[in-house]
Amino acid sequence: MLEETTIAGLASAAAAIPGSVTVATVTAPAPGILGVIGFTTTTAVTLPIAGVVAASAAVGYGVYTGVKWAKSRD
């Protein structure tokens, strides 16, 4: 029960963090005549920091419970 409370606390604390993280940039040919003459467009792929923190907490909790389960099998 303590672990679930910790994860919920991390997720709620992460929600208070503003901002985002750029995880990739994608370059593609521009549409139409501009693409024909060689112009390109660049798009940034970003994720909110709160989502990254919450996903990390969920993965960490999954690893923790997996290790706990594996130890109980001994």
PDB file of N, CA and C in Angstrom:
ATOM      1  N   MET A   1       0.819  -1.195   0.000  1.00  0.00           N
ATOM      2  CA  MET A   1       0.000   0.000   0.000  1.00  0.00           C
ATOM      3  C   MET A   1       0.860   1.254   0.000  1.00  0.00           C
ATOM      4  N   LEU A   2       1.987   1.180   0.701  1.00  0.00           N
ATOM      5  CA  LEU A   2       2.879   2.326   0.761  1.00  0.00           C
ATOM      6  C   LEU A   2       3.422   2.667  -0.620  1.00  0.00           C
ATOM      7  N   GLU A   3       3.719   1.638  -1.432  1.00  0.00           N
ATOM      8  CA  GLU A   3       4.278   1.874  -2.755  1.00  0.00           C
ATOM      9  C   GLU A   3       3.285   2.620  -3.648  1.00  0.00           C
ATOM     10  N   GLU A   4       2.004   2.229  -3.606  1.00  0.00           N
ATOM     11  CA  GLU A   4       0.995   2.901  -4.423  1.00  0.00           C
ATOM     12  C   GLU A   4       0.848   4.359  -4.018  1.00  0.00           C
ATOM     13  N   THR A   5       0.940   4.638  -2.717  1.00  0.00           N
ATOM     14  CA  THR A   5       0.846   6.011  -2.232  1.00  0.00           C
ATOM     15  C   THR A   5       2.031   6.822  -2.730  1.00  0.00           C
ATOM     16  N   THR A   6       3.207   6.207  -2.741  1.00  0.00           N
ATOM     17  CA  THR A   6       4.406   6.895  -3.221  1.00  0.00           C
ATOM     18  C   THR A   6       4.290   7.222  -4.699  1.00  0.00           C
ATOM     19  N   ILE A   7       3.813   6.267  -5.493  1.00  0.00           N
ATOM     20  CA  ILE A   7       3.653   6.492  -6.924  1.00  0.00           C
ATOM     21  C   ILE A   7       2.618   7.586  -7.181  1.00  0.00           C
ATOM     22  N   ALA A   8       1.510   7.563  -6.450  1.00  0.00           N
ATOM     23  CA  ALA A   8       0.485   8.592  -6.616  1.00  0.00           C
ATOM     24  C   ALA A   8       1.039   9.959  -6.234  1.00  0.00           C
ATOM     25  N   GLY A   9       1.857  10.004  -5.197  1.00  0.00           N
ATOM     26  CA  GLY A   9       2.469  11.262  -4.789  1.00  0.00           C
ATOM     27  C   GLY A   9       3.418  11.795  -5.840  1.00  0.00           C
ATOM     28  N   LEU A  10       4.206  10.905  -6.444  1.00  0.00           N
ATOM     29  CA  LEU A  10       5.105  11.316  -7.519  1.00  0.00           C
ATOM     30  C   LEU A  10       4.331  11.842  -8.714  1.00  0.00           C
ATOM     31  N   ALA A  11       3.259  11.158  -9.079  1.00  0.00           N
ATOM     32  CA  ALA A  11       2.464  11.583 -10.233  1.00  0.00           C
ATOM     33  C   ALA A  11       1.829  12.948  -9.983  1.00  0.00           C
ATOM     34  N   SER A  12       1.323  13.178  -8.774  1.00  0.00           N
ATOM     35  CA  SER A  12       0.696  14.475  -8.494  1.00  0.00           C
ATOM     36  C   SER A  12       1.742  15.577  -8.408  1.00  0.00           C
ATOM     37  N   ALA A  13       2.921  15.262  -7.903  1.00  0.00           N
ATOM     38  CA  ALA A  13       3.993  16.255  -7.868  1.00  0.00           C
ATOM     39  C   ALA A  13       4.469  16.572  -9.281  1.00  0.00           C
ATOM     40  N   ALA A  14       4.504  15.561 -10.133  1.00  0.00           N
ATOM     41  CA  ALA A  14       4.937  15.772 -11.513  1.00  0.00           C
ATOM     42  C   ALA A  14       3.960  16.654 -12.266  1.00  0.00           C
ATOM     43  N   ALA A  15       2.691  16.571 -11.930  1.00  0.00           N
ATOM     44  CA  ALA A  15       1.687  17.388 -12.613  1.00  0.00           C
ATOM     45  C   ALA A  15       1.906  18.875 -12.362  1.00  0.00           C
ATOM     46  N   ALA A  16       2.580  19.191 -11.268  1.00  0.00           N
ATOM     47  CA  ALA A  16       2.834  20.592 -10.942  1.00  0.00           C
ATOM     48  C   ALA A  16       4.040  21.156 -11.695  1.00  0.00           C
ATOM     49  N   ILE A  17       4.776  20.287 -12.398  1.00  0.00           N
ATOM     50  CA  ILE A  17       5.969  20.723 -13.119  1.00  0.00           C
ATOM     51  C   ILE A  17       5.565  21.230 -14.501  1.00  0.00           C
ATOM     52  N   PRO A  18       5.792  22.496 -14.788  1.00  0.00           N
ATOM     53  CA  PRO A  18       5.460  23.006 -16.124  1.00  0.00           C
ATOM     54  C   PRO A  18       6.585  22.696 -17.107  1.00  0.00           C
ATOM     55  N   GLY A  19       6.288  22.767 -18.371  1.00  0.00           N
ATOM     56  CA  GLY A  19       7.319  22.633 -19.386  1.00  0.00           C
ATOM     57  C   GLY A  19       7.214  21.342 -20.171  1.00  0.00           C
ATOM     58  N   SER A  20       8.133  21.201 -21.116  1.00  0.00           N
ATOM     59  CA  SER A  20       8.149  20.015 -21.951  1.00  0.00           C
ATOM     60  C   SER A  20       9.582  19.699 -22.351  1.00  0.00           C
ATOM     61  N   VAL A  21       9.769  18.480 -22.845  1.00  0.00           N
ATOM     62  CA  VAL A  21      11.072  17.998 -23.270  1.00  0.00           C
ATOM     63  C   VAL A  21      10.972  17.634 -24.743  1.00  0.00           C
ATOM     64  N   THR A  22      11.919  18.107 -25.548  1.00  0.00           N
ATOM     65  CA  THR A  22      11.958  17.736 -26.960  1.00  0.00           C
ATOM     66  C   THR A  22      12.644  16.382 -27.081  1.00  0.00           C
ATOM     67  N   VAL A  23      11.933  15.414 -27.645  1.00  0.00           N
ATOM     68  CA  VAL A  23      12.488  14.065 -27.769  1.00  0.00           C
ATOM     69  C   VAL A  23      12.960  13.750 -29.177  1.00  0.00           C
ATOM     70  N   ALA A  24      12.523  14.500 -30.169  1.00  0.00           N
ATOM     71  CA  ALA A  24      12.949  14.257 -31.541  1.00  0.00           C
ATOM     72  C   ALA A  24      12.620  15.462 -32.410  1.00  0.00           C
ATOM     73  N   THR A  25      13.359  15.585 -33.491  1.00  0.00           N
ATOM     74  CA  THR A  25      13.007  16.547 -34.525  1.00  0.00           C
ATOM     75  C   THR A  25      12.912  15.783 -35.840  1.00  0.00           C
ATOM     76  N   VAL A  26      11.881  16.072 -36.599  1.00  0.00           N
ATOM     77  CA  VAL A  26      11.620  15.366 -37.853  1.00  0.00           C
ATOM     78  C   VAL A  26      11.699  16.376 -38.987  1.00  0.00           C
ATOM     79  N   THR A  27      12.539  16.079 -39.969  1.00  0.00           N
ATOM     80  CA  THR A  27      12.670  16.942 -41.134  1.00  0.00           C
ATOM     81  C   THR A  27      12.052  16.253 -42.339  1.00  0.00           C
ATOM     82  N   ALA A  28      11.220  16.981 -43.061  1.00  0.00           N
ATOM     83  CA  ALA A  28      10.534  16.425 -44.235  1.00  0.00           C
ATOM     84  C   ALA A  28      10.527  17.466 -45.348  1.00  0.00           C
ATOM     85  N   PRO A  29      10.395  17.026 -46.589  1.00  0.00           N
ATOM     86  CA  PRO A  29      10.298  17.997 -47.681  1.00  0.00           C
ATOM     87  C   PRO A  29       9.045  18.864 -47.521  1.00  0.00           C
ATOM     88  N   ALA A  30       9.173  20.119 -47.868  1.00  0.00           N
ATOM     89  CA  ALA A  30       8.028  21.028 -47.818  1.00  0.00           C
ATOM     90  C   ALA A  30       7.001  20.614 -48.873  1.00  0.00           C
ATOM     91  N   PRO A  31       5.734  20.901 -48.627  1.00  0.00           N
ATOM     92  CA  PRO A  31       4.713  20.537 -49.619  1.00  0.00           C
ATOM     93  C   PRO A  31       4.749  21.461 -50.843  1.00  0.00           C
ATOM     94  N   GLY A  32       4.289  20.934 -51.950  1.00  0.00           N
ATOM     95  CA  GLY A  32       4.114  21.750 -53.156  1.00  0.00           C
ATOM     96  C   GLY A  32       5.407  22.110 -53.848  1.00  0.00           C
ATOM     97  N   ILE A  33       5.401  23.256 -54.473  1.00  0.00           N
ATOM     98  CA  ILE A  33       6.535  23.708 -55.284  1.00  0.00           C
ATOM     99  C   ILE A  33       7.773  23.956 -54.433  1.00  0.00           C
ATOM    100  N   LEU A  34       7.582  24.342 -53.177  1.00  0.00           N
ATOM    101  CA  LEU A  34       8.735  24.561 -52.300  1.00  0.00           C
ATOM    102  C   LEU A  34       9.513  23.269 -52.065  1.00  0.00           C
ATOM    103  N   GLY A  35       8.813  22.156 -51.945  1.00  0.00           N
ATOM    104  CA  GLY A  35       9.479  20.866 -51.805  1.00  0.00           C
ATOM    105  C   GLY A  35      10.237  20.479 -53.065  1.00  0.00           C
ATOM    106  N   VAL A  36       9.699  20.849 -54.211  1.00  0.00           N
ATOM    107  CA  VAL A  36      10.346  20.523 -55.481  1.00  0.00           C
ATOM    108  C   VAL A  36      11.679  21.252 -55.604  1.00  0.00           C
ATOM    109  N   ILE A  37      11.746  22.489 -55.122  1.00  0.00           N
ATOM    110  CA  ILE A  37      13.002  23.231 -55.247  1.00  0.00           C
ATOM    111  C   ILE A  37      13.935  23.027 -54.049  1.00  0.00           C
ATOM    112  N   GLY A  38      13.570  22.137 -53.126  1.00  0.00           N
ATOM    113  CA  GLY A  38      14.503  21.730 -52.076  1.00  0.00           C
ATOM    114  C   GLY A  38      14.259  22.256 -50.678  1.00  0.00           C
ATOM    115  N   PHE A  39      13.190  22.987 -50.447  1.00  0.00           N
ATOM    116  CA  PHE A  39      12.912  23.455 -49.095  1.00  0.00           C
ATOM    117  C   PHE A  39      12.390  22.309 -48.227  1.00  0.00           C
ATOM    118  N   THR A  40      12.659  22.400 -46.935  1.00  0.00           N
ATOM    119  CA  THR A  40      12.193  21.379 -45.998  1.00  0.00           C
ATOM    120  C   THR A  40      11.458  22.039 -44.837  1.00  0.00           C
ATOM    121  N   THR A  41      10.720  21.238 -44.119  1.00  0.00           N
ATOM    122  CA  THR A  41      10.069  21.682 -42.884  1.00  0.00           C
ATOM    123  C   THR A  41      10.588  20.826 -41.739  1.00  0.00           C
ATOM    124  N   THR A  42      10.663  21.410 -40.569  1.00  0.00           N
ATOM    125  CA  THR A  42      11.132  20.695 -39.387  1.00  0.00           C
ATOM    126  C   THR A  42      10.046  20.739 -38.322  1.00  0.00           C
ATOM    127  N   THR A  43       9.759  19.587 -37.745  1.00  0.00           N
ATOM    128  CA  THR A  43       8.759  19.485 -36.689  1.00  0.00           C
ATOM    129  C   THR A  43       9.421  18.943 -35.426  1.00  0.00           C
ATOM    130  N   ALA A  44       9.182  19.582 -34.305  1.00  0.00           N
ATOM    131  CA  ALA A  44       9.720  19.111 -33.033  1.00  0.00           C
ATOM    132  C   ALA A  44       8.673  18.249 -32.337  1.00  0.00           C
ATOM    133  N   VAL A  45       9.102  17.094 -31.852  1.00  0.00           N
ATOM    134  CA  VAL A  45       8.232  16.201 -31.087  1.00  0.00           C
ATOM    135  C   VAL A  45       8.559  16.422 -29.615  1.00  0.00           C
ATOM    136  N   THR A  46       7.567  16.895 -28.845  1.00  0.00           N
ATOM    137  CA  THR A  46       7.806  17.202 -27.432  1.00  0.00           C
ATOM    138  C   THR A  46       6.858  16.407 -26.542  1.00  0.00           C
ATOM    139  N   LEU A  47       7.315  16.157 -25.338  1.00  0.00           N
ATOM    140  CA  LEU A  47       6.501  15.489 -24.321  1.00  0.00           C
ATOM    141  C   LEU A  47       6.471  16.371 -23.082  1.00  0.00           C
ATOM    142  N   PRO A  48       5.339  16.421 -22.384  1.00  0.00           N
ATOM    143  CA  PRO A  48       5.300  17.194 -21.143  1.00  0.00           C
ATOM    144  C   PRO A  48       6.176  16.526 -20.077  1.00  0.00           C
ATOM    145  N   ILE A  49       6.881  17.321 -19.298  1.00  0.00           N
ATOM    146  CA  ILE A  49       7.756  16.781 -18.256  1.00  0.00           C
ATOM    147  C   ILE A  49       6.961  15.935 -17.280  1.00  0.00           C
ATOM    148  N   ALA A  50       5.742  16.359 -16.969  1.00  0.00           N
ATOM    149  CA  ALA A  50       4.909  15.597 -16.029  1.00  0.00           C
ATOM    150  C   ALA A  50       4.661  14.181 -16.545  1.00  0.00           C
ATOM    151  N   GLY A  51       4.434  14.036 -17.826  1.00  0.00           N
ATOM    152  CA  GLY A  51       4.218  12.712 -18.397  1.00  0.00           C
ATOM    153  C   GLY A  51       5.460  11.845 -18.326  1.00  0.00           C
ATOM    154  N   VAL A  52       6.623  12.441 -18.563  1.00  0.00           N
ATOM    155  CA  VAL A  52       7.880  11.694 -18.488  1.00  0.00           C
ATOM    156  C   VAL A  52       8.119  11.217 -17.066  1.00  0.00           C
ATOM    157  N   VAL A  53       7.897  12.086 -16.085  1.00  0.00           N
ATOM    158  CA  VAL A  53       8.100  11.708 -14.681  1.00  0.00           C
ATOM    159  C   VAL A  53       7.108  10.625 -14.268  1.00  0.00           C
ATOM    160  N   ALA A  54       5.853  10.766 -14.651  1.00  0.00           N
ATOM    161  CA  ALA A  54       4.844   9.768 -14.282  1.00  0.00           C
ATOM    162  C   ALA A  54       5.144   8.421 -14.931  1.00  0.00           C
ATOM    163  N   ALA A  55       5.560   8.411 -16.190  1.00  0.00           N
ATOM    164  CA  ALA A  55       5.896   7.151 -16.858  1.00  0.00           C
ATOM    165  C   ALA A  55       7.114   6.506 -16.216  1.00  0.00           C
ATOM    166  N   SER A  56       8.097   7.307 -15.840  1.00  0.00           N
ATOM    167  CA  SER A  56       9.280   6.772 -15.161  1.00  0.00           C
ATOM    168  C   SER A  56       8.903   6.162 -13.819  1.00  0.00           C
ATOM    169  N   ALA A  57       8.008   6.810 -13.101  1.00  0.00           N
ATOM    170  CA  ALA A  57       7.563   6.272 -11.814  1.00  0.00           C
ATOM    171  C   ALA A  57       6.833   4.953 -12.007  1.00  0.00           C
ATOM    172  N   ALA A  58       6.010   4.854 -13.042  1.00  0.00           N
ATOM    173  CA  ALA A  58       5.282   3.613 -13.292  1.00  0.00           C
ATOM    174  C   ALA A  58       6.236   2.481 -13.666  1.00  0.00           C
ATOM    175  N   VAL A  59       7.231   2.773 -14.488  1.00  0.00           N
ATOM    176  CA  VAL A  59       8.213   1.750 -14.860  1.00  0.00           C
ATOM    177  C   VAL A  59       9.024   1.333 -13.641  1.00  0.00           C
ATOM    178  N   GLY A  60       9.430   2.303 -12.837  1.00  0.00           N
ATOM    179  CA  GLY A  60      10.177   1.989 -11.619  1.00  0.00           C
ATOM    180  C   GLY A  60       9.381   1.117 -10.671  1.00  0.00           C
ATOM    181  N   TYR A  61       8.103   1.419 -10.528  1.00  0.00           N
ATOM    182  CA  TYR A  61       7.252   0.601  -9.664  1.00  0.00           C
ATOM    183  C   TYR A  61       7.096  -0.806 -10.230  1.00  0.00           C
ATOM    184  N   GLY A  62       6.991  -0.920 -11.548  1.00  0.00           N
ATOM    185  CA  GLY A  62       6.900  -2.238 -12.174  1.00  0.00           C
ATOM    186  C   GLY A  62       8.152  -3.064 -11.931  1.00  0.00           C
ATOM    187  N   VAL A  63       9.308  -2.439 -12.031  1.00  0.00           N
ATOM    188  CA  VAL A  63      10.568  -3.137 -11.757  1.00  0.00           C
ATOM    189  C   VAL A  63      10.623  -3.549 -10.288  1.00  0.00           C
ATOM    190  N   TYR A  64      10.228  -2.641  -9.409  1.00  0.00           N
ATOM    191  CA  TYR A  64      10.227  -2.943  -7.974  1.00  0.00           C
ATOM    192  C   TYR A  64       9.343  -4.148  -7.650  1.00  0.00           C
ATOM    193  N   THR A  65       8.127  -4.152  -8.181  1.00  0.00           N
ATOM    194  CA  THR A  65       7.233  -5.272  -7.893  1.00  0.00           C
ATOM    195  C   THR A  65       7.728  -6.560  -8.536  1.00  0.00           C
ATOM    196  N   GLY A  66       8.382  -6.469  -9.703  1.00  0.00           N
ATOM    197  CA  GLY A  66       8.953  -7.662 -10.328  1.00  0.00           C
ATOM    198  C   GLY A  66      10.072  -8.249  -9.498  1.00  0.00           C
ATOM    199  N   VAL A  67      10.936  -7.402  -8.970  1.00  0.00           N
ATOM    200  CA  VAL A  67      12.031  -7.876  -8.116  1.00  0.00           C
ATOM    201  C   VAL A  67      11.467  -8.449  -6.824  1.00  0.00           C
ATOM    202  N   LYS A  68      10.476  -7.787  -6.269  1.00  0.00           N
ATOM    203  CA  LYS A  68       9.845  -8.272  -5.028  1.00  0.00           C
ATOM    204  C   LYS A  68       9.210  -9.645  -5.256  1.00  0.00           C
ATOM    205  N   TRP A  69       8.525  -9.811  -6.386  1.00  0.00           N
ATOM    206  CA  TRP A  69       7.914 -11.102  -6.719  1.00  0.00           C
ATOM    207  C   TRP A  69       8.983 -12.175  -6.917  1.00  0.00           C
ATOM    208  N   ALA A  70      10.071 -11.822  -7.629  1.00  0.00           N
ATOM    209  CA  ALA A  70      11.138 -12.789  -7.886  1.00  0.00           C
ATOM    210  C   ALA A  70      11.810 -13.231  -6.589  1.00  0.00           C
ATOM    211  N   LYS A  71      11.999 -12.319  -5.645  1.00  0.00           N
ATOM    212  CA  LYS A  71      12.590 -12.681  -4.364  1.00  0.00           C
ATOM    213  C   LYS A  71      11.681 -13.593  -3.560  1.00  0.00           C
ATOM    214  N   SER A  72      10.371 -13.414  -3.695  1.00  0.00           N
ATOM    215  CA  SER A  72       9.443 -14.250  -2.935  1.00  0.00           C
ATOM    216  C   SER A  72       9.382 -15.678  -3.480  1.00  0.00           C
ATOM    217  N   ARG A  73       9.851 -15.884  -4.697  1.00  0.00           N
ATOM    218  CA  ARG A  73       9.834 -17.200  -5.332  1.00  0.00           C
ATOM    219  C   ARG A  73      10.976 -18.086  -4.836  1.00  0.00           C
ATOM    220  N   ASP A  74      11.975 -17.508  -4.159  1.00  0.00           N
ATOM    221  CA  ASP A  74      13.133 -18.293  -3.692  1.00  0.00           C
ATOM    222  C   ASP A  74      12.783 -19.252  -2.612  1.00  0.00           C
TER     223      ASP A  74
END
